[in-house]
Amino acid sequence: AQRQRIELAAAALRAQPQCSITRVAHAHGFSSSQYFATVFRRYF
């Protein structure tokens, strides 16, 4: 489920460049942008 959410978030990062990384993180169920960045770096 986490991999699925991070892949959807990655697609949103590229599709919505005007949207902040924090907003993308929260929109995909991550409680903080720091945790999102940690998980994102692990996968990508």
ModelCIF file with pLDDT and N, C-alpha, C, O atoms, coordinates in Angstrom:
data_MODEL
#
_entry.id   MODEL 
#
_entity.id                         1 
_entity.type                       polymer 
_entity.pdbx_number_of_molecules   1 
#
_entity_poly.entity_id                      1 
_entity_poly.type                           'polypeptide(L)' 
_entity_poly.nstd_linkage                   no 
_entity_poly.nstd_monomer                   no 
_entity_poly.pdbx_seq_one_letter_code       AQRQRIELAAAALRAQPQCSITRVAHAHGFSSSQYFATVFRRYF 
_entity_poly.pdbx_seq_one_letter_code_can   AQRQRIELAAAALRAQPQCSITRVAHAHGFSSSQYFATVFRRYF 
_entity_poly.pdbx_strand_id                 A 
#
loop_
_entity_poly_seq.entity_id 
_entity_poly_seq.num 
_entity_poly_seq.mon_id 
_entity_poly_seq.hetero 
1 1  ALA n 
1 2  GLN n 
1 3  ARG n 
1 4  GLN n 
1 5  ARG n 
1 6  ILE n 
1 7  GLU n 
1 8  LEU n 
1 9  ALA n 
1 10 ALA n 
1 11 ALA n 
1 12 ALA n 
1 13 LEU n 
1 14 ARG n 
1 15 ALA n 
1 16 GLN n 
1 17 PRO n 
1 18 GLN n 
1 19 CYS n 
1 20 SER n 
1 21 ILE n 
1 22 THR n 
1 23 ARG n 
1 24 VAL n 
1 25 ALA n 
1 26 HIS n 
1 27 ALA n 
1 28 HIS n 
1 29 GLY n 
1 30 PHE n 
1 31 SER n 
1 32 SER n 
1 33 SER n 
1 34 GLN n 
1 35 TYR n 
1 36 PHE n 
1 37 ALA n 
1 38 THR n 
1 39 VAL n 
1 40 PHE n 
1 41 ARG n 
1 42 ARG n 
1 43 TYR n 
1 44 PHE n 
#
_struct_asym.id          A 
_struct_asym.entity_id   1 
#
loop_
_ma_qa_metric.id 
_ma_qa_metric.mode 
_ma_qa_metric.name 
_ma_qa_metric.software_group_id 
_ma_qa_metric.type 
1 global pLDDT . pLDDT 
2 local  pLDDT . pLDDT 
#
_ma_qa_metric_global.metric_id      1 
_ma_qa_metric_global.metric_value   94.50 
_ma_qa_metric_global.model_id       1 
_ma_qa_metric_global.ordinal_id     1 
#
loop_
_ma_qa_metric_local.label_asym_id 
_ma_qa_metric_local.label_comp_id 
_ma_qa_metric_local.label_seq_id 
_ma_qa_metric_local.metric_id 
_ma_qa_metric_local.metric_value 
_ma_qa_metric_local.model_id 
_ma_qa_metric_local.ordinal_id 
A ALA 1  2 92.00 1 1  
A GLN 2  2 92.00 1 2  
A ARG 3  2 92.00 1 3  
A GLN 4  2 92.00 1 4  
A ARG 5  2 93.00 1 5  
A ILE 6  2 95.00 1 6  
A GLU 7  2 94.00 1 7  
A LEU 8  2 94.00 1 8  
A ALA 9  2 96.00 1 9  
A ALA 10 2 96.00 1 10 
A ALA 11 2 95.00 1 11 
A ALA 12 2 95.00 1 12 
A LEU 13 2 96.00 1 13 
A ARG 14 2 94.00 1 14 
A ALA 15 2 95.00 1 15 
A GLN 16 2 94.00 1 16 
A PRO 17 2 93.00 1 17 
A GLN 18 2 95.00 1 18 
A CYS 19 2 95.00 1 19 
A SER 20 2 96.00 1 20 
A ILE 21 2 96.00 1 21 
A THR 22 2 96.00 1 22 
A ARG 23 2 96.00 1 23 
A VAL 24 2 96.00 1 24 
A ALA 25 2 96.00 1 25 
A HIS 26 2 95.00 1 26 
A ALA 27 2 94.00 1 27 
A HIS 28 2 93.00 1 28 
A GLY 29 2 90.00 1 29 
A PHE 30 2 92.00 1 30 
A SER 31 2 91.00 1 31 
A SER 32 2 94.00 1 32 
A SER 33 2 93.00 1 33 
A GLN 34 2 95.00 1 34 
A TYR 35 2 96.00 1 35 
A PHE 36 2 97.00 1 36 
A ALA 37 2 97.00 1 37 
A THR 38 2 96.00 1 38 
A VAL 39 2 96.00 1 39 
A PHE 40 2 97.00 1 40 
A ARG 41 2 96.00 1 41 
A ARG 42 2 94.00 1 42 
A TYR 43 2 93.00 1 43 
A PHE 44 2 95.00 1 44 
#
loop_
_atom_site.group_PDB 
_atom_site.id 
_atom_site.type_symbol 
_atom_site.label_atom_id 
_atom_site.label_alt_id 
_atom_site.label_comp_id 
_atom_site.label_asym_id 
_atom_site.label_entity_id 
_atom_site.label_seq_id 
_atom_site.pdbx_PDB_ins_code 
_atom_site.Cartn_x 
_atom_site.Cartn_y 
_atom_site.Cartn_z 
_atom_site.occupancy 
_atom_site.B_iso_or_equiv 
_atom_site.pdbx_formal_charge 
_atom_site.auth_seq_id 
_atom_site.auth_comp_id 
_atom_site.auth_asym_id 
_atom_site.auth_atom_id 
_atom_site.pdbx_PDB_model_num 
ATOM 1   N N  . ALA A 1 1  ? 0.832  -1.205 0.000   1.00 92.00 ? 1  ALA A N  1 
ATOM 2   C CA . ALA A 1 1  ? 0.000  0.000  0.000   1.00 92.00 ? 1  ALA A CA 1 
ATOM 3   C C  . ALA A 1 1  ? 0.866  1.254  0.000   1.00 92.00 ? 1  ALA A C  1 
ATOM 4   O O  . ALA A 1 1  ? 0.550  2.233  -0.677  1.00 92.00 ? 1  ALA A O  1 
ATOM 5   N N  . GLN A 1 2  ? 1.954  1.223  0.757   1.00 92.00 ? 2  GLN A N  1 
ATOM 6   C CA . GLN A 1 2  ? 2.847  2.375  0.790   1.00 92.00 ? 2  GLN A CA 1 
ATOM 7   C C  . GLN A 1 2  ? 3.491  2.596  -0.576  1.00 92.00 ? 2  GLN A C  1 
ATOM 8   O O  . GLN A 1 2  ? 3.607  3.733  -1.033  1.00 92.00 ? 2  GLN A O  1 
ATOM 9   N N  . ARG A 1 3  ? 3.904  1.526  -1.220  1.00 92.00 ? 3  ARG A N  1 
ATOM 10  C CA . ARG A 1 3  ? 4.492  1.643  -2.557  1.00 92.00 ? 3  ARG A CA 1 
ATOM 11  C C  . ARG A 1 3  ? 3.474  2.225  -3.529  1.00 92.00 ? 3  ARG A C  1 
ATOM 12  O O  . ARG A 1 3  ? 3.808  3.071  -4.359  1.00 92.00 ? 3  ARG A O  1 
ATOM 13  N N  . GLN A 1 4  ? 2.243  1.771  -3.422  1.00 92.00 ? 4  GLN A N  1 
ATOM 14  C CA . GLN A 1 4  ? 1.185  2.275  -4.286  1.00 92.00 ? 4  GLN A CA 1 
ATOM 15  C C  . GLN A 1 4  ? 0.983  3.780  -4.057  1.00 92.00 ? 4  GLN A C  1 
ATOM 16  O O  . GLN A 1 4  ? 0.884  4.547  -5.014  1.00 92.00 ? 4  GLN A O  1 
ATOM 17  N N  . ARG A 1 5  ? 0.925  4.195  -2.793  1.00 93.00 ? 5  ARG A N  1 
ATOM 18  C CA . ARG A 1 5  ? 0.736  5.618  -2.487  1.00 93.00 ? 5  ARG A CA 1 
ATOM 19  C C  . ARG A 1 5  ? 1.912  6.464  -2.963  1.00 93.00 ? 5  ARG A C  1 
ATOM 20  O O  . ARG A 1 5  ? 1.715  7.571  -3.464  1.00 93.00 ? 5  ARG A O  1 
ATOM 21  N N  . ILE A 1 6  ? 3.136  5.951  -2.811  1.00 95.00 ? 6  ILE A N  1 
ATOM 22  C CA . ILE A 1 6  ? 4.306  6.738  -3.201  1.00 95.00 ? 6  ILE A CA 1 
ATOM 23  C C  . ILE A 1 6  ? 4.390  6.846  -4.729  1.00 95.00 ? 6  ILE A C  1 
ATOM 24  O O  . ILE A 1 6  ? 4.842  7.864  -5.253  1.00 95.00 ? 6  ILE A O  1 
ATOM 25  N N  . GLU A 1 7  ? 3.959  5.806  -5.440  1.00 94.00 ? 7  GLU A N  1 
ATOM 26  C CA . GLU A 1 7  ? 3.943  5.875  -6.905  1.00 94.00 ? 7  GLU A CA 1 
ATOM 27  C C  . GLU A 1 7  ? 2.894  6.869  -7.396  1.00 94.00 ? 7  GLU A C  1 
ATOM 28  O O  . GLU A 1 7  ? 3.134  7.599  -8.357  1.00 94.00 ? 7  GLU A O  1 
ATOM 29  N N  . LEU A 1 8  ? 1.741  6.901  -6.746  1.00 94.00 ? 8  LEU A N  1 
ATOM 30  C CA . LEU A 1 8  ? 0.717  7.884  -7.106  1.00 94.00 ? 8  LEU A CA 1 
ATOM 31  C C  . LEU A 1 8  ? 1.206  9.300  -6.800  1.00 94.00 ? 8  LEU A C  1 
ATOM 32  O O  . LEU A 1 8  ? 0.957  10.227 -7.571  1.00 94.00 ? 8  LEU A O  1 
ATOM 33  N N  . ALA A 1 9  ? 1.894  9.463  -5.684  1.00 96.00 ? 9  ALA A N  1 
ATOM 34  C CA . ALA A 1 9  ? 2.441  10.769 -5.321  1.00 96.00 ? 9  ALA A CA 1 
ATOM 35  C C  . ALA A 1 9  ? 3.511  11.203 -6.323  1.00 96.00 ? 9  ALA A C  1 
ATOM 36  O O  . ALA A 1 9  ? 3.573  12.378 -6.688  1.00 96.00 ? 9  ALA A O  1 
ATOM 37  N N  . ALA A 1 10 ? 4.342  10.279 -6.767  1.00 96.00 ? 10 ALA A N  1 
ATOM 38  C CA . ALA A 1 10 ? 5.373  10.606 -7.750  1.00 96.00 ? 10 ALA A CA 1 
ATOM 39  C C  . ALA A 1 10 ? 4.738  11.093 -9.053  1.00 96.00 ? 10 ALA A C  1 
ATOM 40  O O  . ALA A 1 10 ? 5.214  12.053 -9.659  1.00 96.00 ? 10 ALA A O  1 
ATOM 41  N N  . ALA A 1 11 ? 3.679  10.436 -9.473  1.00 95.00 ? 11 ALA A N  1 
ATOM 42  C CA . ALA A 1 11 ? 2.974  10.873 -10.690 1.00 95.00 ? 11 ALA A CA 1 
ATOM 43  C C  . ALA A 1 11 ? 2.391  12.273 -10.482 1.00 95.00 ? 11 ALA A C  1 
ATOM 44  O O  . ALA A 1 11 ? 2.422  13.101 -11.393 1.00 95.00 ? 11 ALA A O  1 
ATOM 45  N N  . ALA A 1 12 ? 1.864  12.535 -9.292  1.00 95.00 ? 12 ALA A N  1 
ATOM 46  C CA . ALA A 1 12 ? 1.290  13.852 -8.999  1.00 95.00 ? 12 ALA A CA 1 
ATOM 47  C C  . ALA A 1 12 ? 2.370  14.936 -8.972  1.00 95.00 ? 12 ALA A C  1 
ATOM 48  O O  . ALA A 1 12 ? 2.117  16.065 -9.391  1.00 95.00 ? 12 ALA A O  1 
ATOM 49  N N  . LEU A 1 13 ? 3.556  14.610 -8.490  1.00 96.00 ? 13 LEU A N  1 
ATOM 50  C CA . LEU A 1 13 ? 4.642  15.599 -8.460  1.00 96.00 ? 13 LEU A CA 1 
ATOM 51  C C  . LEU A 1 13 ? 4.952  16.116 -9.856  1.00 96.00 ? 13 LEU A C  1 
ATOM 52  O O  . LEU A 1 13 ? 5.171  17.312 -10.049 1.00 96.00 ? 13 LEU A O  1 
ATOM 53  N N  . ARG A 1 14 ? 4.970  15.224 -10.814 1.00 94.00 ? 14 ARG A N  1 
ATOM 54  C CA . ARG A 1 14 ? 5.278  15.633 -12.184 1.00 94.00 ? 14 ARG A CA 1 
ATOM 55  C C  . ARG A 1 14 ? 4.065  16.240 -12.891 1.00 94.00 ? 14 ARG A C  1 
ATOM 56  O O  . ARG A 1 14 ? 4.208  17.169 -13.686 1.00 94.00 ? 14 ARG A O  1 
ATOM 57  N N  . ALA A 1 15 ? 2.886  15.721 -12.603 1.00 95.00 ? 15 ALA A N  1 
ATOM 58  C CA . ALA A 1 15 ? 1.677  16.193 -13.289 1.00 95.00 ? 15 ALA A CA 1 
ATOM 59  C C  . ALA A 1 15 ? 1.209  17.550 -12.753 1.00 95.00 ? 15 ALA A C  1 
ATOM 60  O O  . ALA A 1 15 ? 0.538  18.301 -13.461 1.00 95.00 ? 15 ALA A O  1 
ATOM 61  N N  . GLN A 1 16 ? 1.564  17.859 -11.508 1.00 94.00 ? 16 GLN A N  1 
ATOM 62  C CA . GLN A 1 16 ? 1.109  19.097 -10.868 1.00 94.00 ? 16 GLN A CA 1 
ATOM 63  C C  . GLN A 1 16 ? 2.305  19.883 -10.322 1.00 94.00 ? 16 GLN A C  1 
ATOM 64  O O  . GLN A 1 16 ? 2.485  19.963 -9.107  1.00 94.00 ? 16 GLN A O  1 
ATOM 65  N N  . PRO A 1 17 ? 3.114  20.458 -11.195 1.00 93.00 ? 17 PRO A N  1 
ATOM 66  C CA . PRO A 1 17 ? 4.316  21.155 -10.717 1.00 93.00 ? 17 PRO A CA 1 
ATOM 67  C C  . PRO A 1 17 ? 4.015  22.380 -9.859  1.00 93.00 ? 17 PRO A C  1 
ATOM 68  O O  . PRO A 1 17 ? 4.871  22.809 -9.085  1.00 93.00 ? 17 PRO A O  1 
ATOM 69  N N  . GLN A 1 18 ? 2.826  22.948 -9.979  1.00 95.00 ? 18 GLN A N  1 
ATOM 70  C CA . GLN A 1 18 ? 2.467  24.115 -9.180  1.00 95.00 ? 18 GLN A CA 1 
ATOM 71  C C  . GLN A 1 18 ? 2.102  23.737 -7.744  1.00 95.00 ? 18 GLN A C  1 
ATOM 72  O O  . GLN A 1 18 ? 2.065  24.607 -6.873  1.00 95.00 ? 18 GLN A O  1 
ATOM 73  N N  . CYS A 1 19 ? 1.840  22.492 -7.490  1.00 95.00 ? 19 CYS A N  1 
ATOM 74  C CA . CYS A 1 19 ? 1.429  22.008 -6.166  1.00 95.00 ? 19 CYS A CA 1 
ATOM 75  C C  . CYS A 1 19 ? 2.677  21.759 -5.309  1.00 95.00 ? 19 CYS A C  1 
ATOM 76  O O  . CYS A 1 19 ? 3.640  21.150 -5.775  1.00 95.00 ? 19 CYS A O  1 
ATOM 77  N N  . SER A 1 20 ? 2.656  22.223 -4.079  1.00 96.00 ? 20 SER A N  1 
ATOM 78  C CA . SER A 1 20 ? 3.823  22.047 -3.209  1.00 96.00 ? 20 SER A CA 1 
ATOM 79  C C  . SER A 1 20 ? 4.019  20.569 -2.867  1.00 96.00 ? 20 SER A C  1 
ATOM 80  O O  . SER A 1 20 ? 3.084  19.769 -2.907  1.00 96.00 ? 20 SER A O  1 
ATOM 81  N N  . ILE A 1 21 ? 5.248  20.241 -2.534  1.00 96.00 ? 21 ILE A N  1 
ATOM 82  C CA . ILE A 1 21 ? 5.569  18.866 -2.160  1.00 96.00 ? 21 ILE A CA 1 
ATOM 83  C C  . ILE A 1 21 ? 4.809  18.478 -0.893  1.00 96.00 ? 21 ILE A C  1 
ATOM 84  O O  . ILE A 1 21 ? 4.354  17.342 -0.762  1.00 96.00 ? 21 ILE A O  1 
ATOM 85  N N  . THR A 1 22 ? 4.675  19.414 0.031   1.00 96.00 ? 22 THR A N  1 
ATOM 86  C CA . THR A 1 22 ? 3.920  19.143 1.264   1.00 96.00 ? 22 THR A CA 1 
ATOM 87  C C  . THR A 1 22 ? 2.469  18.819 0.946   1.00 96.00 ? 22 THR A C  1 
ATOM 88  O O  . THR A 1 22 ? 1.893  17.893 1.517   1.00 96.00 ? 22 THR A O  1 
ATOM 89  N N  . ARG A 1 23 ? 1.885  19.577 0.042   1.00 96.00 ? 23 ARG A N  1 
ATOM 90  C CA . ARG A 1 23 ? 0.484  19.333 -0.325  1.00 96.00 ? 23 ARG A CA 1 
ATOM 91  C C  . ARG A 1 23 ? 0.337  17.958 -0.997  1.00 96.00 ? 23 ARG A C  1 
ATOM 92  O O  . ARG A 1 23 ? -0.627 17.241 -0.728  1.00 96.00 ? 23 ARG A O  1 
ATOM 93  N N  . VAL A 1 24 ? 1.271  17.595 -1.854  1.00 96.00 ? 24 VAL A N  1 
ATOM 94  C CA . VAL A 1 24 ? 1.233  16.269 -2.492  1.00 96.00 ? 24 VAL A CA 1 
ATOM 95  C C  . VAL A 1 24 ? 1.367  15.186 -1.428  1.00 96.00 ? 24 VAL A C  1 
ATOM 96  O O  . VAL A 1 24 ? 0.652  14.184 -1.462  1.00 96.00 ? 24 VAL A O  1 
ATOM 97  N N  . ALA A 1 25 ? 2.279  15.386 -0.487  1.00 96.00 ? 25 ALA A N  1 
ATOM 98  C CA . ALA A 1 25 ? 2.481  14.409 0.587   1.00 96.00 ? 25 ALA A CA 1 
ATOM 99  C C  . ALA A 1 25 ? 1.196  14.201 1.381   1.00 96.00 ? 25 ALA A C  1 
ATOM 100 O O  . ALA A 1 25 ? 0.780  13.065 1.611   1.00 96.00 ? 25 ALA A O  1 
ATOM 101 N N  . HIS A 1 26 ? 0.580  15.281 1.791   1.00 95.00 ? 26 HIS A N  1 
ATOM 102 C CA . HIS A 1 26 ? -0.656 15.183 2.573   1.00 95.00 ? 26 HIS A CA 1 
ATOM 103 C C  . HIS A 1 26 ? -1.788 14.589 1.756   1.00 95.00 ? 26 HIS A C  1 
ATOM 104 O O  . HIS A 1 26 ? -2.592 13.821 2.284   1.00 95.00 ? 26 HIS A O  1 
ATOM 105 N N  . ALA A 1 27 ? -1.865 14.930 0.477   1.00 94.00 ? 27 ALA A N  1 
ATOM 106 C CA . ALA A 1 27 ? -2.923 14.401 -0.389  1.00 94.00 ? 27 ALA A CA 1 
ATOM 107 C C  . ALA A 1 27 ? -2.812 12.893 -0.576  1.00 94.00 ? 27 ALA A C  1 
ATOM 108 O O  . ALA A 1 27 ? -3.793 12.233 -0.917  1.00 94.00 ? 27 ALA A O  1 
ATOM 109 N N  . HIS A 1 28 ? -1.627 12.352 -0.356  1.00 93.00 ? 28 HIS A N  1 
ATOM 110 C CA . HIS A 1 28 ? -1.417 10.915 -0.540  1.00 93.00 ? 28 HIS A CA 1 
ATOM 111 C C  . HIS A 1 28 ? -1.209 10.172 0.782   1.00 93.00 ? 28 HIS A C  1 
ATOM 112 O O  . HIS A 1 28 ? -0.631 9.085  0.820   1.00 93.00 ? 28 HIS A O  1 
ATOM 113 N N  . GLY A 1 29 ? -1.693 10.784 1.858   1.00 90.00 ? 29 GLY A N  1 
ATOM 114 C CA . GLY A 1 29 ? -1.753 10.086 3.134   1.00 90.00 ? 29 GLY A CA 1 
ATOM 115 C C  . GLY A 1 29 ? -0.515 10.130 3.998   1.00 90.00 ? 29 GLY A C  1 
ATOM 116 O O  . GLY A 1 29 ? -0.416 9.369  4.961   1.00 90.00 ? 29 GLY A O  1 
ATOM 117 N N  . PHE A 1 30 ? 0.432  10.995 3.686   1.00 92.00 ? 30 PHE A N  1 
ATOM 118 C CA . PHE A 1 30 ? 1.633  11.106 4.515   1.00 92.00 ? 30 PHE A CA 1 
ATOM 119 C C  . PHE A 1 30 ? 1.437  12.247 5.498   1.00 92.00 ? 30 PHE A C  1 
ATOM 120 O O  . PHE A 1 30 ? 0.988  13.328 5.118   1.00 92.00 ? 30 PHE A O  1 
ATOM 121 N N  . SER A 1 31 ? 1.769  12.013 6.750   1.00 91.00 ? 31 SER A N  1 
ATOM 122 C CA . SER A 1 31 ? 1.490  12.987 7.810   1.00 91.00 ? 31 SER A CA 1 
ATOM 123 C C  . SER A 1 31 ? 2.436  14.181 7.783   1.00 91.00 ? 31 SER A C  1 
ATOM 124 O O  . SER A 1 31 ? 2.088  15.255 8.274   1.00 91.00 ? 31 SER A O  1 
ATOM 125 N N  . SER A 1 32 ? 3.626  14.007 7.218   1.00 94.00 ? 32 SER A N  1 
ATOM 126 C CA . SER A 1 32 ? 4.568  15.126 7.141   1.00 94.00 ? 32 SER A CA 1 
ATOM 127 C C  . SER A 1 32 ? 5.378  15.027 5.854   1.00 94.00 ? 32 SER A C  1 
ATOM 128 O O  . SER A 1 32 ? 5.566  13.950 5.289   1.00 94.00 ? 32 SER A O  1 
ATOM 129 N N  . SER A 1 33 ? 5.847  16.179 5.417   1.00 93.00 ? 33 SER A N  1 
ATOM 130 C CA . SER A 1 33 ? 6.659  16.192 4.197   1.00 93.00 ? 33 SER A CA 1 
ATOM 131 C C  . SER A 1 33 ? 8.022  15.538 4.451   1.00 93.00 ? 33 SER A C  1 
ATOM 132 O O  . SER A 1 33 ? 8.633  15.000 3.527   1.00 93.00 ? 33 SER A O  1 
ATOM 133 N N  . GLN A 1 34 ? 8.496  15.584 5.698   1.00 95.00 ? 34 GLN A N  1 
ATOM 134 C CA . GLN A 1 34 ? 9.785  14.954 6.013   1.00 95.00 ? 34 GLN A CA 1 
ATOM 135 C C  . GLN A 1 34 ? 9.697  13.434 5.880   1.00 95.00 ? 34 GLN A C  1 
ATOM 136 O O  . GLN A 1 34 ? 10.579 12.797 5.304   1.00 95.00 ? 34 GLN A O  1 
ATOM 137 N N  . TYR A 1 35 ? 8.620  12.866 6.422   1.00 96.00 ? 35 TYR A N  1 
ATOM 138 C CA . TYR A 1 35 ? 8.448  11.414 6.315   1.00 96.00 ? 35 TYR A CA 1 
ATOM 139 C C  . TYR A 1 35 ? 8.233  11.026 4.859   1.00 96.00 ? 35 TYR A C  1 
ATOM 140 O O  . TYR A 1 35 ? 8.773  10.023 4.392   1.00 96.00 ? 35 TYR A O  1 
ATOM 141 N N  . PHE A 1 36 ? 7.444  11.822 4.144   1.00 97.00 ? 36 PHE A N  1 
ATOM 142 C CA . PHE A 1 36 ? 7.219  11.584 2.718   1.00 97.00 ? 36 PHE A CA 1 
ATOM 143 C C  . PHE A 1 36 ? 8.554  11.559 1.965   1.00 97.00 ? 36 PHE A C  1 
ATOM 144 O O  . PHE A 1 36 ? 8.799  10.666 1.154   1.00 97.00 ? 36 PHE A O  1 
ATOM 145 N N  . ALA A 1 37 ? 9.413  12.545 2.243   1.00 97.00 ? 37 ALA A N  1 
ATOM 146 C CA . ALA A 1 37 ? 10.710 12.612 1.562   1.00 97.00 ? 37 ALA A CA 1 
ATOM 147 C C  . ALA A 1 37 ? 11.572 11.392 1.883   1.00 97.00 ? 37 ALA A C  1 
ATOM 148 O O  . ALA A 1 37 ? 12.269 10.878 1.008   1.00 97.00 ? 37 ALA A O  1 
ATOM 149 N N  . THR A 1 38 ? 11.529 10.932 3.123   1.00 96.00 ? 38 THR A N  1 
ATOM 150 C CA . THR A 1 38 ? 12.294 9.743  3.524   1.00 96.00 ? 38 THR A CA 1 
ATOM 151 C C  . THR A 1 38 ? 11.818 8.514  2.766   1.00 96.00 ? 38 THR A C  1 
ATOM 152 O O  . THR A 1 38 ? 12.624 7.762  2.217   1.00 96.00 ? 38 THR A O  1 
ATOM 153 N N  . VAL A 1 39 ? 10.508 8.314  2.738   1.00 96.00 ? 39 VAL A N  1 
ATOM 154 C CA . VAL A 1 39 ? 9.944  7.154  2.034   1.00 96.00 ? 39 VAL A CA 1 
ATOM 155 C C  . VAL A 1 39 ? 10.192 7.282  0.533   1.00 96.00 ? 39 VAL A C  1 
ATOM 156 O O  . VAL A 1 39 ? 10.542 6.307  -0.131  1.00 96.00 ? 39 VAL A O  1 
ATOM 157 N N  . PHE A 1 40 ? 10.010 8.478  0.010   1.00 97.00 ? 40 PHE A N  1 
ATOM 158 C CA . PHE A 1 40 ? 10.206 8.716  -1.429  1.00 97.00 ? 40 PHE A CA 1 
ATOM 159 C C  . PHE A 1 40 ? 11.633 8.367  -1.840  1.00 97.00 ? 40 PHE A C  1 
ATOM 160 O O  . PHE A 1 40 ? 11.854 7.693  -2.846  1.00 97.00 ? 40 PHE A O  1 
ATOM 161 N N  . ARG A 1 41 ? 12.592 8.832  -1.049  1.00 96.00 ? 41 ARG A N  1 
ATOM 162 C CA . ARG A 1 41 ? 14.002 8.547  -1.361  1.00 96.00 ? 41 ARG A CA 1 
ATOM 163 C C  . ARG A 1 41 ? 14.290 7.035  -1.306  1.00 96.00 ? 41 ARG A C  1 
ATOM 164 O O  . ARG A 1 41 ? 15.089 6.523  -2.090  1.00 96.00 ? 41 ARG A O  1 
ATOM 165 N N  . ARG A 1 42 ? 13.631 6.329  -0.373  1.00 94.00 ? 42 ARG A N  1 
ATOM 166 C CA . ARG A 1 42 ? 13.816 4.880  -0.268  1.00 94.00 ? 42 ARG A CA 1 
ATOM 167 C C  . ARG A 1 42 ? 13.372 4.175  -1.549  1.00 94.00 ? 42 ARG A C  1 
ATOM 168 O O  . ARG A 1 42 ? 14.026 3.232  -1.995  1.00 94.00 ? 42 ARG A O  1 
ATOM 169 N N  . TYR A 1 43 ? 12.281 4.621  -2.133  1.00 93.00 ? 43 TYR A N  1 
ATOM 170 C CA . TYR A 1 43 ? 11.745 3.964  -3.328  1.00 93.00 ? 43 TYR A CA 1 
ATOM 171 C C  . TYR A 1 43 ? 12.373 4.455  -4.629  1.00 93.00 ? 43 TYR A C  1 
ATOM 172 O O  . TYR A 1 43 ? 12.571 3.665  -5.553  1.00 93.00 ? 43 TYR A O  1 
ATOM 173 N N  . PHE A 1 44 ? 12.689 5.749  -4.715  1.00 95.00 ? 44 PHE A N  1 
ATOM 174 C CA . PHE A 1 44 ? 13.153 6.322  -5.977  1.00 95.00 ? 44 PHE A CA 1 
ATOM 175 C C  . PHE A 1 44 ? 14.623 6.711  -5.995  1.00 95.00 ? 44 PHE A C  1 
ATOM 176 O O  . PHE A 1 44 ? 15.120 7.203  -7.008  1.00 95.00 ? 44 PHE A O  1 
#
